[in-house]
Amino acid sequence: MLVSISIIVGYGWLLFFTEWALLLIQLTLIIAVAAVLGVVAWIGCTLATTPPPKPVEEIEKEIRHGLETLEKEEHQEEGKQEN
């Protein structure tokens, strides 16, 4: 926290009391714009490279198949326990 406060005070001092104010504003703006556009590019790249999800029908089919398999296994185990 002390480091952050020191940076804020130093930034304010550079901005208001030195001849570096214009350069400081320009650097701040380019860093802010680059950060925002970097995030936008990252989101766009993620959207472009992520495969589409499976259709709901296919997921339902897999779930039904899994349930049928479990039911068959339960019936087989019950049959073994009775013998």
C-alpha atoms as a PDB file:
ATOM      1  CA  MET A   1       0.000   0.000   0.000  1.00  0.00           C
ATOM      2  CA  LEU A   2       2.861   2.320   0.795  1.00  0.00           C
ATOM      3  CA  VAL A   3       4.393   1.676  -2.632  1.00  0.00           C
ATOM      4  CA  SER A   4       1.092   2.490  -4.360  1.00  0.00           C
ATOM      5  CA  ILE A   5       0.705   5.744  -2.448  1.00  0.00           C
ATOM      6  CA  SER A   6       4.302   6.675  -3.262  1.00  0.00           C
ATOM      7  CA  ILE A   7       3.702   6.034  -6.969  1.00  0.00           C
ATOM      8  CA  ILE A   8       0.526   8.145  -6.896  1.00  0.00           C
ATOM      9  CA  VAL A   9       2.349  11.020  -5.195  1.00  0.00           C
ATOM     10  CA  GLY A  10       5.272  10.724  -7.627  1.00  0.00           C
ATOM     11  CA  TYR A  11       2.930  10.633 -10.605  1.00  0.00           C
ATOM     12  CA  GLY A  12       1.096  13.735  -9.362  1.00  0.00           C
ATOM     13  CA  TRP A  13       4.345  15.546  -8.746  1.00  0.00           C
ATOM     14  CA  LEU A  14       5.639  14.686 -12.245  1.00  0.00           C
ATOM     15  CA  LEU A  15       2.319  15.684 -13.791  1.00  0.00           C
ATOM     16  CA  PHE A  16       1.872  19.055 -12.092  1.00  0.00           C
ATOM     17  CA  PHE A  17       5.310  20.320 -11.097  1.00  0.00           C
ATOM     18  CA  THR A  18       7.740  19.328 -13.855  1.00  0.00           C
ATOM     19  CA  GLU A  19       8.206  19.928 -17.569  1.00  0.00           C
ATOM     20  CA  TRP A  20       7.574  16.195 -18.162  1.00  0.00           C
ATOM     21  CA  ALA A  21       3.789  16.577 -17.910  1.00  0.00           C
ATOM     22  CA  LEU A  22       3.051  16.280 -21.638  1.00  0.00           C
ATOM     23  CA  LEU A  23       5.268  13.219 -22.057  1.00  0.00           C
ATOM     24  CA  LEU A  24       3.749  11.651 -18.936  1.00  0.00           C
ATOM     25  CA  ILE A  25       0.212  12.148 -20.283  1.00  0.00           C
ATOM     26  CA  GLN A  26       1.206  10.704 -23.646  1.00  0.00           C
ATOM     27  CA  LEU A  27       2.816   7.646 -22.046  1.00  0.00           C
ATOM     28  CA  THR A  28      -0.189   7.114 -19.778  1.00  0.00           C
ATOM     29  CA  LEU A  29      -2.592   7.273 -22.707  1.00  0.00           C
ATOM     30  CA  ILE A  30      -0.602   4.907 -24.924  1.00  0.00           C
ATOM     31  CA  ILE A  31      -0.317   2.387 -22.084  1.00  0.00           C
ATOM     32  CA  ALA A  32      -4.066   2.617 -21.361  1.00  0.00           C
ATOM     33  CA  VAL A  33      -5.037   2.277 -25.028  1.00  0.00           C
ATOM     34  CA  ALA A  34      -2.621  -0.620 -25.539  1.00  0.00           C
ATOM     35  CA  ALA A  35      -4.029  -2.405 -22.480  1.00  0.00           C
ATOM     36  CA  VAL A  36      -7.646  -2.014 -23.616  1.00  0.00           C
ATOM     37  CA  LEU A  37      -6.906  -3.069 -27.183  1.00  0.00           C
ATOM     38  CA  GLY A  38      -4.789  -5.971 -25.924  1.00  0.00           C
ATOM     39  CA  VAL A  39      -7.752  -7.255 -23.916  1.00  0.00           C
ATOM     40  CA  VAL A  40     -10.058  -6.825 -26.921  1.00  0.00           C
ATOM     41  CA  ALA A  41      -7.600  -8.726 -29.143  1.00  0.00           C
ATOM     42  CA  TRP A  42      -7.295 -11.517 -26.558  1.00  0.00           C
ATOM     43  CA  ILE A  43     -11.089 -11.872 -26.321  1.00  0.00           C
ATOM     44  CA  GLY A  44     -11.386 -11.866 -30.125  1.00  0.00           C
ATOM     45  CA  CYS A  45      -8.681 -14.506 -30.485  1.00  0.00           C
ATOM     46  CA  THR A  46     -10.372 -16.659 -27.836  1.00  0.00           C
ATOM     47  CA  LEU A  47     -13.731 -16.359 -29.588  1.00  0.00           C
ATOM     48  CA  ALA A  48     -12.203 -17.166 -32.969  1.00  0.00           C
ATOM     49  CA  THR A  49     -10.295 -20.253 -31.818  1.00  0.00           C
ATOM     50  CA  THR A  50     -12.794 -21.829 -29.400  1.00  0.00           C
ATOM     51  CA  PRO A  51     -14.709 -24.687 -31.010  1.00  0.00           C
ATOM     52  CA  PRO A  52     -18.503 -24.491 -30.938  1.00  0.00           C
ATOM     53  CA  PRO A  53     -20.287 -26.473 -28.225  1.00  0.00           C
ATOM     54  CA  LYS A  54     -21.956 -29.813 -28.929  1.00  0.00           C
ATOM     55  CA  PRO A  55     -25.631 -29.677 -29.883  1.00  0.00           C
ATOM     56  CA  VAL A  56     -28.015 -30.358 -27.006  1.00  0.00           C
ATOM     57  CA  GLU A  57     -29.409 -33.416 -28.788  1.00  0.00           C
ATOM     58  CA  GLU A  58     -25.975 -35.044 -28.865  1.00  0.00           C
ATOM     59  CA  ILE A  59     -25.428 -34.386 -25.160  1.00  0.00           C
ATOM     60  CA  GLU A  60     -28.860 -35.850 -24.345  1.00  0.00           C
ATOM     61  CA  LYS A  61     -28.022 -38.944 -26.407  1.00  0.00           C
ATOM     62  CA  GLU A  62     -24.762 -39.429 -24.480  1.00  0.00           C
ATOM     63  CA  ILE A  63     -26.569 -39.051 -21.143  1.00  0.00           C
ATOM     64  CA  ARG A  64     -29.258 -41.563 -22.159  1.00  0.00           C
ATOM     65  CA  HIS A  65     -26.585 -44.029 -23.277  1.00  0.00           C
ATOM     66  CA  GLY A  66     -24.731 -43.606 -19.987  1.00  0.00           C
ATOM     67  CA  LEU A  67     -27.909 -44.149 -17.967  1.00  0.00           C
ATOM     68  CA  GLU A  68     -28.760 -47.277 -19.956  1.00  0.00           C
ATOM     69  CA  THR A  69     -25.262 -48.627 -19.352  1.00  0.00           C
ATOM     70  CA  LEU A  70     -25.574 -47.976 -15.611  1.00  0.00           C
ATOM     71  CA  GLU A  71     -28.984 -49.647 -15.462  1.00  0.00           C
ATOM     72  CA  LYS A  72     -27.640 -52.738 -17.270  1.00  0.00           C
ATOM     73  CA  GLU A  73     -24.711 -52.935 -14.841  1.00  0.00           C
ATOM     74  CA  GLU A  74     -27.076 -52.646 -11.861  1.00  0.00           C
ATOM     75  CA  HIS A  75     -29.272 -55.440 -13.196  1.00  0.00           C
ATOM     76  CA  GLN A  76     -26.217 -57.639 -13.748  1.00  0.00           C
ATOM     77  CA  GLU A  77     -24.985 -56.984 -10.208  1.00  0.00           C
ATOM     78  CA  GLU A  78     -28.429 -57.743  -8.755  1.00  0.00           C
ATOM     79  CA  GLY A  79     -28.461 -61.017 -10.694  1.00  0.00           C
ATOM     80  CA  LYS A  80     -25.058 -61.976  -9.311  1.00  0.00           C
ATOM     81  CA  GLN A  81     -26.090 -61.163  -5.740  1.00  0.00           C
ATOM     82  CA  GLU A  82     -29.224 -63.348  -6.005  1.00  0.00           C
ATOM     83  CA  ASN A  83     -27.188 -66.376  -7.119  1.00  0.00           C
END
